[in-house]
Amino acid sequence: MKFLYWLAWITFGAAFRSFLGLRIDGREHLVTEGPVLVAANHQSFLDPPLIGCLYDMPLFYLARKTLFSGFTNWLYRQWNALPVDQDKPDMASLKSIIRLLKAGHGVVIFPEGARTLDGSLGEAAPGIGLVAAKSGAVIQPVRIRGAFEALPRGASWLRLARVSVCIGPAIRLTPDDLTHASGREGYALLAKRIMSAIAAL
């Protein structure tokens, strides 16, 4: 584990518990070995470290490419962040994620693609369906609550709010699932299934 990743893991975890009263439900469902695709709703900039604190292994994350400039380019890469164009997601980024999963790593994806504007759940983009189908990785649904209240989109300062993370039962795709998850329509249906699992938490 990179030193700065470990340092951030310790620091963010302590801050979430101390200032936001972080509560974690469903730890018994946490997949901690082998490739895992962590799929969570996207409420805030707090979401990636919130999910990272759940795991004792390093995870990889997607971050919009405009954040990768100068010092932050180096810092985000130390935190295992991968640049992605939110406006025009490219196959190169998706292929990088699939390679990481096939190599046995954990990757965090927010199916909605962007942070919520009002705290509600949005629709999943088909990209996560493609990644799930091509990698065959175990899918870990996660539901975040309270992060929108603590640091909503457009806010400059952290607000005190109770934050909770609920971990759901893993989705393990069967050969039949993978057979039907092909083409844009199949990827979209799989993405919808993953988003429904998040919504149910």
N, C-alpha and C. Protein backbone atom coordinates (compact mmCIF):
# COMPACT_ATOMS: atom_id res chain seq x y z
N MET A 1 0.85 -1.20 0.00
CA MET A 1 0.00 0.00 0.00
C MET A 1 0.88 1.25 0.00
N LYS A 2 0.61 2.20 -0.88
CA LYS A 2 1.38 3.43 -0.93
C LYS A 2 1.24 4.19 0.39
N PHE A 3 2.33 4.83 0.81
CA PHE A 3 2.34 5.52 2.10
C PHE A 3 1.22 6.56 2.20
N LEU A 4 1.06 7.39 1.17
CA LEU A 4 0.05 8.44 1.23
C LEU A 4 -1.37 7.86 1.20
N TYR A 5 -1.54 6.72 0.56
CA TYR A 5 -2.85 6.06 0.59
C TYR A 5 -3.13 5.62 2.02
N TRP A 6 -2.15 5.00 2.66
CA TRP A 6 -2.30 4.54 4.03
C TRP A 6 -2.54 5.70 4.98
N LEU A 7 -1.80 6.80 4.79
CA LEU A 7 -1.97 7.97 5.64
C LEU A 7 -3.37 8.56 5.50
N ALA A 8 -3.86 8.64 4.26
CA ALA A 8 -5.21 9.16 4.03
C ALA A 8 -6.25 8.23 4.63
N TRP A 9 -6.02 6.93 4.53
CA TRP A 9 -6.94 5.93 5.09
C TRP A 9 -7.10 6.14 6.59
N ILE A 10 -5.99 6.34 7.28
CA ILE A 10 -6.01 6.58 8.73
C ILE A 10 -6.69 7.92 9.06
N THR A 11 -6.30 8.96 8.34
CA THR A 11 -6.77 10.32 8.62
C THR A 11 -8.27 10.47 8.35
N PHE A 12 -8.70 10.04 7.17
CA PHE A 12 -10.11 10.17 6.83
C PHE A 12 -10.98 9.31 7.75
N GLY A 13 -10.52 8.11 8.03
CA GLY A 13 -11.30 7.23 8.91
C GLY A 13 -11.53 7.86 10.27
N ALA A 14 -10.47 8.42 10.85
CA ALA A 14 -10.59 9.07 12.16
C ALA A 14 -11.51 10.28 12.10
N ALA A 15 -11.39 11.07 11.02
CA ALA A 15 -12.22 12.27 10.88
C ALA A 15 -13.69 11.91 10.71
N PHE A 16 -13.97 10.89 9.91
CA PHE A 16 -15.36 10.48 9.71
C PHE A 16 -16.00 10.01 11.01
N ARG A 17 -15.24 9.26 11.79
CA ARG A 17 -15.79 8.76 13.06
C ARG A 17 -15.96 9.88 14.07
N SER A 18 -15.01 10.81 14.10
CA SER A 18 -15.02 11.87 15.12
C SER A 18 -16.02 12.98 14.82
N PHE A 19 -16.07 13.41 13.56
CA PHE A 19 -16.86 14.60 13.23
C PHE A 19 -18.21 14.30 12.56
N LEU A 20 -18.29 13.14 11.91
CA LEU A 20 -19.53 12.82 11.18
C LEU A 20 -20.25 11.62 11.77
N GLY A 21 -19.73 11.08 12.87
CA GLY A 21 -20.39 9.94 13.52
C GLY A 21 -20.61 8.78 12.60
N LEU A 22 -19.64 8.47 11.77
CA LEU A 22 -19.79 7.43 10.75
C LEU A 22 -20.31 6.12 11.33
N ARG A 23 -21.38 5.62 10.73
CA ARG A 23 -21.95 4.33 11.09
C ARG A 23 -21.88 3.40 9.88
N ILE A 24 -21.42 2.20 10.10
CA ILE A 24 -21.29 1.23 9.02
C ILE A 24 -22.18 0.03 9.32
N ASP A 25 -23.08 -0.27 8.41
CA ASP A 25 -23.98 -1.41 8.55
C ASP A 25 -23.65 -2.44 7.47
N GLY A 26 -23.84 -3.71 7.79
CA GLY A 26 -23.67 -4.77 6.81
C GLY A 26 -22.23 -5.21 6.59
N ARG A 27 -21.39 -5.03 7.59
CA ARG A 27 -19.98 -5.44 7.42
C ARG A 27 -19.85 -6.92 7.06
N GLU A 28 -20.82 -7.71 7.48
CA GLU A 28 -20.75 -9.14 7.21
C GLU A 28 -20.83 -9.44 5.71
N HIS A 29 -21.28 -8.47 4.92
CA HIS A 29 -21.39 -8.67 3.47
C HIS A 29 -20.12 -8.24 2.72
N LEU A 30 -19.19 -7.63 3.43
CA LEU A 30 -18.02 -7.05 2.77
C LEU A 30 -17.14 -8.12 2.12
N VAL A 31 -16.88 -7.94 0.84
CA VAL A 31 -15.98 -8.83 0.09
C VAL A 31 -14.57 -8.27 0.21
N THR A 32 -13.68 -9.02 0.83
CA THR A 32 -12.34 -8.50 1.11
C THR A 32 -11.23 -9.26 0.39
N GLU A 33 -11.59 -10.22 -0.44
CA GLU A 33 -10.57 -10.97 -1.17
C GLU A 33 -10.96 -11.06 -2.65
N GLY A 34 -9.93 -11.06 -3.48
CA GLY A 34 -10.16 -11.21 -4.91
C GLY A 34 -10.69 -9.95 -5.54
N PRO A 35 -10.92 -9.98 -6.83
CA PRO A 35 -11.42 -8.79 -7.53
C PRO A 35 -12.83 -8.44 -7.08
N VAL A 36 -13.05 -7.18 -6.77
CA VAL A 36 -14.37 -6.74 -6.35
C VAL A 36 -14.67 -5.38 -6.98
N LEU A 37 -15.84 -5.26 -7.57
CA LEU A 37 -16.30 -4.02 -8.15
C LEU A 37 -17.27 -3.39 -7.16
N VAL A 38 -16.82 -2.35 -6.49
CA VAL A 38 -17.64 -1.68 -5.48
C VAL A 38 -18.49 -0.62 -6.18
N ALA A 39 -19.80 -0.78 -6.11
CA ALA A 39 -20.74 0.13 -6.78
C ALA A 39 -21.53 0.89 -5.73
N ALA A 40 -21.43 2.20 -5.74
CA ALA A 40 -22.09 3.03 -4.72
C ALA A 40 -22.77 4.24 -5.33
N ASN A 41 -23.78 4.74 -4.63
CA ASN A 41 -24.39 6.00 -5.04
C ASN A 41 -23.40 7.13 -4.79
N HIS A 42 -23.57 8.23 -5.51
CA HIS A 42 -22.59 9.32 -5.45
C HIS A 42 -23.23 10.59 -4.90
N GLN A 43 -22.94 10.89 -3.64
CA GLN A 43 -23.53 12.06 -2.99
C GLN A 43 -22.58 13.24 -2.87
N SER A 44 -21.27 12.95 -2.77
CA SER A 44 -20.34 13.99 -2.35
C SER A 44 -18.90 13.62 -2.69
N PHE A 45 -18.01 14.60 -2.59
CA PHE A 45 -16.57 14.34 -2.70
C PHE A 45 -16.10 13.43 -1.56
N LEU A 46 -16.91 13.29 -0.53
CA LEU A 46 -16.55 12.44 0.60
C LEU A 46 -16.68 10.95 0.28
N ASP A 47 -17.40 10.64 -0.78
CA ASP A 47 -17.73 9.24 -1.06
C ASP A 47 -16.51 8.33 -1.26
N PRO A 48 -15.52 8.70 -2.08
CA PRO A 48 -14.38 7.79 -2.27
C PRO A 48 -13.66 7.43 -0.97
N PRO A 49 -13.29 8.42 -0.13
CA PRO A 49 -12.64 8.01 1.13
C PRO A 49 -13.57 7.27 2.08
N LEU A 50 -14.87 7.56 2.02
CA LEU A 50 -15.82 6.81 2.86
C LEU A 50 -15.77 5.33 2.52
N ILE A 51 -15.76 5.03 1.23
CA ILE A 51 -15.71 3.63 0.81
C ILE A 51 -14.34 3.03 1.08
N GLY A 52 -13.29 3.83 0.84
CA GLY A 52 -11.94 3.33 1.09
C GLY A 52 -11.73 2.90 2.52
N CYS A 53 -12.38 3.59 3.45
CA CYS A 53 -12.23 3.26 4.87
C CYS A 53 -12.86 1.92 5.24
N LEU A 54 -13.68 1.38 4.37
CA LEU A 54 -14.30 0.09 4.65
C LEU A 54 -13.32 -1.07 4.48
N TYR A 55 -12.31 -0.85 3.67
CA TYR A 55 -11.43 -1.93 3.25
C TYR A 55 -10.03 -1.80 3.83
N ASP A 56 -9.44 -2.94 4.18
CA ASP A 56 -8.05 -2.98 4.62
C ASP A 56 -7.11 -3.19 3.44
N MET A 57 -7.65 -3.26 2.25
CA MET A 57 -6.83 -3.38 1.05
C MET A 57 -7.01 -2.11 0.21
N PRO A 58 -5.99 -1.74 -0.58
CA PRO A 58 -6.13 -0.54 -1.39
C PRO A 58 -7.15 -0.74 -2.51
N LEU A 59 -7.90 0.30 -2.79
CA LEU A 59 -8.87 0.28 -3.87
C LEU A 59 -8.45 1.29 -4.94
N PHE A 60 -8.97 1.13 -6.13
CA PHE A 60 -8.74 2.08 -7.20
C PHE A 60 -10.04 2.84 -7.45
N TYR A 61 -9.91 4.11 -7.84
CA TYR A 61 -11.06 5.00 -7.99
C TYR A 61 -11.01 5.72 -9.33
N LEU A 62 -12.16 6.19 -9.77
CA LEU A 62 -12.22 7.05 -10.94
C LEU A 62 -12.41 8.49 -10.46
N ALA A 63 -11.74 9.41 -11.11
CA ALA A 63 -11.89 10.84 -10.78
C ALA A 63 -11.86 11.63 -12.09
N ARG A 64 -12.61 12.71 -12.13
CA ARG A 64 -12.68 13.46 -13.38
C ARG A 64 -11.29 14.01 -13.73
N LYS A 65 -10.98 13.97 -14.99
CA LYS A 65 -9.62 14.26 -15.45
C LYS A 65 -9.18 15.69 -15.17
N THR A 66 -10.13 16.63 -14.99
CA THR A 66 -9.76 18.02 -14.72
C THR A 66 -9.07 18.18 -13.37
N LEU A 67 -9.19 17.16 -12.50
CA LEU A 67 -8.53 17.23 -11.18
C LEU A 67 -7.05 16.88 -11.28
N PHE A 68 -6.64 16.29 -12.40
CA PHE A 68 -5.27 15.82 -12.54
C PHE A 68 -4.41 16.91 -13.19
N SER A 69 -3.97 17.84 -12.35
CA SER A 69 -3.15 18.93 -12.84
C SER A 69 -2.15 19.35 -11.76
N GLY A 70 -0.88 19.45 -12.14
CA GLY A 70 0.13 19.88 -11.19
C GLY A 70 0.26 18.93 -10.01
N PHE A 71 0.26 19.51 -8.82
CA PHE A 71 0.44 18.72 -7.60
C PHE A 71 -0.68 17.70 -7.42
N THR A 72 -1.91 18.08 -7.75
CA THR A 72 -3.03 17.16 -7.53
C THR A 72 -2.96 15.95 -8.46
N ASN A 73 -2.30 16.12 -9.60
CA ASN A 73 -2.09 14.98 -10.50
C ASN A 73 -1.28 13.90 -9.77
N TRP A 74 -0.21 14.35 -9.11
CA TRP A 74 0.63 13.41 -8.35
C TRP A 74 -0.13 12.84 -7.16
N LEU A 75 -0.84 13.72 -6.41
CA LEU A 75 -1.53 13.29 -5.21
C LEU A 75 -2.63 12.28 -5.51
N TYR A 76 -3.46 12.57 -6.50
CA TYR A 76 -4.56 11.66 -6.82
C TYR A 76 -4.05 10.30 -7.28
N ARG A 77 -2.92 10.30 -7.96
CA ARG A 77 -2.36 9.02 -8.39
C ARG A 77 -1.81 8.23 -7.20
N GLN A 78 -1.32 8.94 -6.18
CA GLN A 78 -0.89 8.27 -4.96
C GLN A 78 -2.08 7.64 -4.25
N TRP A 79 -3.25 8.21 -4.45
CA TRP A 79 -4.49 7.69 -3.86
C TRP A 79 -5.18 6.68 -4.79
N ASN A 80 -4.48 6.22 -5.81
CA ASN A 80 -5.00 5.20 -6.73
C ASN A 80 -6.18 5.70 -7.57
N ALA A 81 -6.20 6.99 -7.84
CA ALA A 81 -7.27 7.54 -8.67
C ALA A 81 -6.88 7.45 -10.14
N LEU A 82 -7.86 7.19 -10.99
CA LEU A 82 -7.66 7.09 -12.42
C LEU A 82 -8.45 8.19 -13.11
N PRO A 83 -7.83 8.97 -14.01
CA PRO A 83 -8.56 10.06 -14.68
C PRO A 83 -9.57 9.54 -15.68
N VAL A 84 -10.72 10.17 -15.71
CA VAL A 84 -11.76 9.80 -16.67
C VAL A 84 -12.50 11.06 -17.10
N ASP A 85 -12.89 11.10 -18.35
CA ASP A 85 -13.65 12.21 -18.90
C ASP A 85 -15.13 11.94 -18.63
N GLN A 86 -15.73 12.69 -17.72
CA GLN A 86 -17.14 12.45 -17.37
C GLN A 86 -18.08 12.77 -18.52
N ASP A 87 -17.69 13.71 -19.38
CA ASP A 87 -18.56 14.10 -20.48
C ASP A 87 -18.50 13.10 -21.63
N LYS A 88 -17.32 12.51 -21.83
CA LYS A 88 -17.14 11.55 -22.92
C LYS A 88 -16.33 10.36 -22.41
N PRO A 89 -16.96 9.47 -21.63
CA PRO A 89 -16.24 8.30 -21.13
C PRO A 89 -15.67 7.50 -22.31
N ASP A 90 -14.37 7.17 -22.22
CA ASP A 90 -13.75 6.47 -23.33
C ASP A 90 -13.48 5.02 -22.97
N MET A 91 -13.33 4.19 -23.99
CA MET A 91 -13.10 2.77 -23.79
C MET A 91 -11.76 2.51 -23.12
N ALA A 92 -10.80 3.41 -23.30
CA ALA A 92 -9.48 3.21 -22.67
C ALA A 92 -9.61 3.18 -21.15
N SER A 93 -10.42 4.07 -20.60
CA SER A 93 -10.63 4.11 -19.15
C SER A 93 -11.33 2.84 -18.68
N LEU A 94 -12.35 2.42 -19.41
CA LEU A 94 -13.08 1.21 -19.04
C LEU A 94 -12.18 -0.02 -19.13
N LYS A 95 -11.34 -0.06 -20.14
CA LYS A 95 -10.43 -1.19 -20.29
C LYS A 95 -9.41 -1.23 -19.15
N SER A 96 -8.99 -0.05 -18.69
CA SER A 96 -8.05 0.01 -17.56
C SER A 96 -8.69 -0.58 -16.30
N ILE A 97 -9.96 -0.26 -16.09
CA ILE A 97 -10.68 -0.77 -14.93
C ILE A 97 -10.82 -2.29 -15.02
N ILE A 98 -11.18 -2.76 -16.19
CA ILE A 98 -11.35 -4.21 -16.40
C ILE A 98 -10.04 -4.94 -16.16
N ARG A 99 -8.92 -4.36 -16.62
CA ARG A 99 -7.62 -4.98 -16.40
C ARG A 99 -7.29 -5.06 -14.91
N LEU A 100 -7.59 -4.00 -14.18
CA LEU A 100 -7.34 -4.00 -12.74
C LEU A 100 -8.15 -5.08 -12.03
N LEU A 101 -9.40 -5.21 -12.42
CA LEU A 101 -10.26 -6.23 -11.82
C LEU A 101 -9.76 -7.63 -12.15
N LYS A 102 -9.40 -7.85 -13.40
CA LYS A 102 -8.91 -9.16 -13.80
C LYS A 102 -7.58 -9.51 -13.12
N ALA A 103 -6.86 -8.46 -12.69
CA ALA A 103 -5.60 -8.68 -11.98
C ALA A 103 -5.82 -8.92 -10.49
N GLY A 104 -7.10 -8.86 -10.06
CA GLY A 104 -7.41 -9.17 -8.67
C GLY A 104 -7.59 -7.99 -7.75
N HIS A 105 -7.66 -6.77 -8.30
CA HIS A 105 -7.78 -5.57 -7.48
C HIS A 105 -9.25 -5.20 -7.21
N GLY A 106 -9.43 -4.28 -6.29
CA GLY A 106 -10.75 -3.73 -6.03
C GLY A 106 -10.88 -2.37 -6.68
N VAL A 107 -12.01 -2.11 -7.31
CA VAL A 107 -12.25 -0.85 -8.01
C VAL A 107 -13.59 -0.28 -7.58
N VAL A 108 -13.62 1.02 -7.33
CA VAL A 108 -14.85 1.72 -6.94
C VAL A 108 -15.43 2.45 -8.15
N ILE A 109 -16.70 2.22 -8.42
CA ILE A 109 -17.39 2.94 -9.49
C ILE A 109 -18.71 3.50 -8.95
N PHE A 110 -19.00 4.72 -9.35
CA PHE A 110 -20.29 5.33 -9.02
C PHE A 110 -21.16 5.24 -10.27
N PRO A 111 -22.12 4.33 -10.29
CA PRO A 111 -22.91 4.08 -11.51
C PRO A 111 -23.59 5.32 -12.08
N GLU A 112 -23.94 6.28 -11.20
CA GLU A 112 -24.63 7.48 -11.67
C GLU A 112 -23.70 8.39 -12.47
N GLY A 113 -22.40 8.22 -12.27
CA GLY A 113 -21.43 9.00 -13.03
C GLY A 113 -21.05 10.33 -12.42
N ALA A 114 -22.00 11.03 -11.83
CA ALA A 114 -21.75 12.34 -11.24
C ALA A 114 -22.47 12.45 -9.90
N ARG A 115 -22.02 13.40 -9.09
CA ARG A 115 -22.65 13.60 -7.78
C ARG A 115 -24.09 14.10 -7.94
N THR A 116 -24.93 13.65 -7.03
CA THR A 116 -26.33 14.05 -7.04
C THR A 116 -26.46 15.55 -6.79
N LEU A 117 -27.48 16.14 -7.39
CA LEU A 117 -27.75 17.56 -7.20
C LEU A 117 -28.66 17.82 -6.01
N ASP A 118 -29.47 16.82 -5.64
CA ASP A 118 -30.46 17.04 -4.58
C ASP A 118 -30.48 15.94 -3.51
N GLY A 119 -29.54 15.01 -3.57
CA GLY A 119 -29.49 13.94 -2.58
C GLY A 119 -30.20 12.67 -2.99
N SER A 120 -30.96 12.74 -4.08
CA SER A 120 -31.71 11.56 -4.51
C SER A 120 -30.84 10.67 -5.39
N LEU A 121 -31.28 9.42 -5.57
CA LEU A 121 -30.57 8.49 -6.44
C LEU A 121 -30.88 8.79 -7.90
N GLY A 122 -29.87 8.65 -8.75
CA GLY A 122 -30.07 8.85 -10.17
C GLY A 122 -30.06 7.52 -10.91
N GLU A 123 -30.06 7.58 -12.21
CA GLU A 123 -30.01 6.37 -13.03
C GLU A 123 -28.56 5.97 -13.29
N ALA A 124 -28.35 4.69 -13.46
CA ALA A 124 -27.01 4.18 -13.73
C ALA A 124 -26.70 4.27 -15.21
N ALA A 125 -25.48 4.65 -15.52
CA ALA A 125 -25.01 4.63 -16.90
C ALA A 125 -24.62 3.19 -17.25
N PRO A 126 -24.70 2.81 -18.53
CA PRO A 126 -24.42 1.42 -18.91
C PRO A 126 -22.96 1.00 -18.73
N GLY A 127 -22.05 1.98 -18.50
CA GLY A 127 -20.64 1.66 -18.37
C GLY A 127 -20.34 0.65 -17.30
N ILE A 128 -21.01 0.76 -16.16
CA ILE A 128 -20.74 -0.19 -15.08
C ILE A 128 -21.21 -1.59 -15.46
N GLY A 129 -22.26 -1.67 -16.26
CA GLY A 129 -22.71 -2.97 -16.74
C GLY A 129 -21.68 -3.62 -17.63
N LEU A 130 -21.07 -2.82 -18.49
CA LEU A 130 -20.02 -3.32 -19.37
C LEU A 130 -18.83 -3.83 -18.55
N VAL A 131 -18.38 -3.02 -17.58
CA VAL A 131 -17.24 -3.41 -16.73
C VAL A 131 -17.54 -4.69 -15.97
N ALA A 132 -18.74 -4.76 -15.39
CA ALA A 132 -19.12 -5.95 -14.62
C ALA A 132 -19.14 -7.19 -15.51
N ALA A 133 -19.70 -7.06 -16.70
CA ALA A 133 -19.82 -8.21 -17.61
C ALA A 133 -18.47 -8.66 -18.13
N LYS A 134 -17.63 -7.71 -18.52
CA LYS A 134 -16.34 -8.05 -19.11
C LYS A 134 -15.34 -8.57 -18.08
N SER A 135 -15.44 -8.09 -16.85
CA SER A 135 -14.49 -8.51 -15.81
C SER A 135 -14.94 -9.76 -15.08
N GLY A 136 -16.28 -9.94 -14.97
CA GLY A 136 -16.81 -11.06 -14.23
C GLY A 136 -16.57 -10.95 -12.73
N ALA A 137 -16.19 -9.76 -12.26
CA ALA A 137 -15.87 -9.56 -10.84
C ALA A 137 -17.11 -9.61 -9.96
N VAL A 138 -16.90 -9.92 -8.70
CA VAL A 138 -17.97 -9.83 -7.71
C VAL A 138 -18.34 -8.36 -7.56
N ILE A 139 -19.63 -8.07 -7.48
CA ILE A 139 -20.11 -6.69 -7.37
C ILE A 139 -20.58 -6.44 -5.94
N GLN A 140 -20.06 -5.40 -5.33
CA GLN A 140 -20.39 -5.06 -3.94
C GLN A 140 -21.23 -3.78 -3.93
N PRO A 141 -22.56 -3.89 -3.76
CA PRO A 141 -23.38 -2.68 -3.69
C PRO A 141 -23.24 -1.98 -2.34
N VAL A 142 -23.14 -0.66 -2.39
CA VAL A 142 -22.97 0.15 -1.17
C VAL A 142 -23.87 1.37 -1.26
N ARG A 143 -24.54 1.69 -0.16
CA ARG A 143 -25.43 2.87 -0.12
C ARG A 143 -24.88 3.87 0.90
N ILE A 144 -24.64 5.08 0.44
CA ILE A 144 -24.14 6.15 1.31
C ILE A 144 -25.27 7.10 1.63
N ARG A 145 -25.37 7.47 2.90
CA ARG A 145 -26.37 8.46 3.34
C ARG A 145 -25.68 9.52 4.20
N GLY A 146 -26.15 10.75 4.07
CA GLY A 146 -25.64 11.82 4.91
C GLY A 146 -24.48 12.60 4.32
N ALA A 147 -23.78 12.03 3.34
CA ALA A 147 -22.64 12.73 2.75
C ALA A 147 -23.10 13.97 1.96
N PHE A 148 -24.30 13.90 1.39
CA PHE A 148 -24.84 15.05 0.67
C PHE A 148 -25.09 16.20 1.64
N GLU A 149 -25.60 15.87 2.81
CA GLU A 149 -25.85 16.91 3.81
C GLU A 149 -24.55 17.48 4.36
N ALA A 150 -23.52 16.64 4.44
CA ALA A 150 -22.24 17.08 4.98
C ALA A 150 -21.44 17.94 3.99
N LEU A 151 -21.48 17.54 2.72
CA LEU A 151 -20.72 18.29 1.71
C LEU A 151 -21.42 18.14 0.35
N PRO A 152 -22.50 18.91 0.16
CA PRO A 152 -23.24 18.80 -1.11
C PRO A 152 -22.45 19.40 -2.27
N ARG A 153 -22.89 19.08 -3.44
CA ARG A 153 -22.26 19.61 -4.65
C ARG A 153 -22.30 21.13 -4.64
N GLY A 154 -21.16 21.76 -4.86
CA GLY A 154 -21.08 23.22 -4.87
C GLY A 154 -20.70 23.84 -3.54
N ALA A 155 -20.74 23.06 -2.45
CA ALA A 155 -20.39 23.58 -1.13
C ALA A 155 -18.87 23.72 -0.98
N SER A 156 -18.45 24.71 -0.22
CA SER A 156 -17.03 24.95 0.00
C SER A 156 -16.57 24.45 1.36
N TRP A 157 -17.53 24.27 2.27
CA TRP A 157 -17.17 23.89 3.63
C TRP A 157 -17.95 22.66 4.08
N LEU A 158 -17.30 21.89 4.92
CA LEU A 158 -17.92 20.70 5.48
C LEU A 158 -18.94 21.09 6.54
N ARG A 159 -20.10 20.45 6.50
CA ARG A 159 -21.13 20.69 7.51
C ARG A 159 -21.25 19.46 8.39
N LEU A 160 -21.61 19.67 9.64
CA LEU A 160 -21.79 18.54 10.54
C LEU A 160 -23.08 17.81 10.20
N ALA A 161 -22.96 16.54 9.92
CA ALA A 161 -24.12 15.72 9.58
C ALA A 161 -23.78 14.27 9.88
N ARG A 162 -24.76 13.49 10.22
CA ARG A 162 -24.56 12.07 10.46
C ARG A 162 -24.42 11.33 9.13
N VAL A 163 -23.35 10.59 9.00
CA VAL A 163 -23.09 9.86 7.77
C VAL A 163 -23.12 8.36 8.05
N SER A 164 -23.76 7.62 7.16
CA SER A 164 -23.79 6.16 7.31
C SER A 164 -23.50 5.50 5.98
N VAL A 165 -22.94 4.31 6.05
CA VAL A 165 -22.65 3.51 4.87
C VAL A 165 -23.24 2.12 5.10
N CYS A 166 -24.06 1.67 4.16
CA CYS A 166 -24.67 0.35 4.27
C CYS A 166 -24.12 -0.54 3.15
N ILE A 167 -23.59 -1.68 3.56
CA ILE A 167 -23.00 -2.63 2.62
C ILE A 167 -24.00 -3.74 2.34
N GLY A 168 -24.29 -3.97 1.10
CA GLY A 168 -25.28 -4.99 0.74
C GLY A 168 -24.66 -6.31 0.36
N PRO A 169 -25.49 -7.36 0.26
CA PRO A 169 -25.00 -8.66 -0.20
C PRO A 169 -24.36 -8.55 -1.57
N ALA A 170 -23.27 -9.26 -1.76
CA ALA A 170 -22.55 -9.22 -3.03
C ALA A 170 -23.39 -9.82 -4.16
N ILE A 171 -23.22 -9.29 -5.35
CA ILE A 171 -23.84 -9.83 -6.55
C ILE A 171 -22.78 -10.64 -7.29
N ARG A 172 -23.03 -11.92 -7.44
CA ARG A 172 -22.08 -12.80 -8.15
C ARG A 172 -22.77 -13.24 -9.45
N LEU A 173 -22.25 -12.78 -10.54
CA LEU A 173 -22.87 -13.05 -11.82
C LEU A 173 -22.68 -14.51 -12.23
N THR A 174 -23.75 -15.12 -12.69
CA THR A 174 -23.72 -16.51 -13.15
C THR A 174 -23.37 -16.54 -14.64
N PRO A 175 -22.99 -17.69 -15.16
CA PRO A 175 -22.74 -17.80 -16.60
C PRO A 175 -23.93 -17.33 -17.43
N ASP A 176 -25.14 -17.60 -16.93
CA ASP A 176 -26.35 -17.16 -17.64
C ASP A 176 -26.45 -15.63 -17.64
N ASP A 177 -26.11 -15.02 -16.49
CA ASP A 177 -26.11 -13.55 -16.41
C ASP A 177 -25.16 -12.97 -17.45
N LEU A 178 -23.97 -13.54 -17.55
CA LEU A 178 -22.95 -13.02 -18.45
C LEU A 178 -23.34 -13.23 -19.91
N THR A 179 -24.08 -14.30 -20.18
CA THR A 179 -24.54 -14.55 -21.54
C THR A 179 -25.50 -13.46 -22.00
N HIS A 180 -26.37 -13.03 -21.09
CA HIS A 180 -27.37 -12.02 -21.45
C HIS A 180 -26.84 -10.59 -21.36
N ALA A 181 -25.71 -10.41 -20.65
CA ALA A 181 -25.15 -9.07 -20.49
C ALA A 181 -24.19 -8.76 -21.63
N SER A 182 -24.73 -8.52 -22.79
CA SER A 182 -23.91 -8.18 -23.95
C SER A 182 -24.63 -7.12 -24.78
N GLY A 183 -23.87 -6.26 -25.39
CA GLY A 183 -24.47 -5.17 -26.15
C GLY A 183 -24.95 -4.07 -25.23
N ARG A 184 -25.23 -2.93 -25.79
CA ARG A 184 -25.61 -1.77 -24.98
C ARG A 184 -26.85 -2.05 -24.12
N GLU A 185 -27.84 -2.74 -24.70
CA GLU A 185 -29.07 -3.04 -23.96
C GLU A 185 -28.78 -3.97 -22.78
N GLY A 186 -27.95 -4.99 -23.02
CA GLY A 186 -27.61 -5.91 -21.94
C GLY A 186 -26.82 -5.23 -20.84
N TYR A 187 -25.88 -4.36 -21.21
CA TYR A 187 -25.10 -3.63 -20.21
C TYR A 187 -26.00 -2.69 -19.41
N ALA A 188 -26.96 -2.06 -20.09
CA ALA A 188 -27.88 -1.14 -19.41
C ALA A 188 -28.75 -1.89 -18.40
N LEU A 189 -29.21 -3.08 -18.77
CA LEU A 189 -30.03 -3.88 -17.85
C LEU A 189 -29.23 -4.31 -16.62
N LEU A 190 -27.96 -4.68 -16.85
CA LEU A 190 -27.12 -5.07 -15.72
C LEU A 190 -26.82 -3.86 -14.84
N ALA A 191 -26.60 -2.71 -15.44
CA ALA A 191 -26.37 -1.49 -14.67
C ALA A 191 -27.60 -1.16 -13.82
N LYS A 192 -28.78 -1.34 -14.42
CA LYS A 192 -30.03 -1.07 -13.68
C LYS A 192 -30.18 -2.04 -12.52
N ARG A 193 -29.79 -3.29 -12.71
CA ARG A 193 -29.85 -4.28 -11.63
C ARG A 193 -28.94 -3.88 -10.48
N ILE A 194 -27.74 -3.40 -10.81
CA ILE A 194 -26.80 -2.98 -9.77
C ILE A 194 -27.34 -1.76 -9.03
N MET A 195 -27.90 -0.80 -9.76
CA MET A 195 -28.45 0.40 -9.12
C MET A 195 -29.64 0.05 -8.24
N SER A 196 -30.43 -0.93 -8.66
CA SER A 196 -31.58 -1.37 -7.85
C SER A 196 -31.11 -1.99 -6.54
N ALA A 197 -29.99 -2.71 -6.58
CA ALA A 197 -29.43 -3.31 -5.37
C ALA A 197 -28.97 -2.23 -4.41
N ILE A 198 -28.41 -1.14 -4.94
CA ILE A 198 -28.00 -0.01 -4.10
C ILE A 198 -29.23 0.65 -3.48
N ALA A 199 -30.25 0.88 -4.31
CA ALA A 199 -31.47 1.54 -3.83
C ALA A 199 -32.16 0.75 -2.75
N ALA A 200 -32.03 -0.58 -2.78
CA ALA A 200 -32.71 -1.43 -1.80
C ALA A 200 -32.08 -1.38 -0.41
N LEU A 201 -30.89 -0.82 -0.30
CA LEU A 201 -30.19 -0.81 0.98
C LEU A 201 -30.69 0.30 1.90
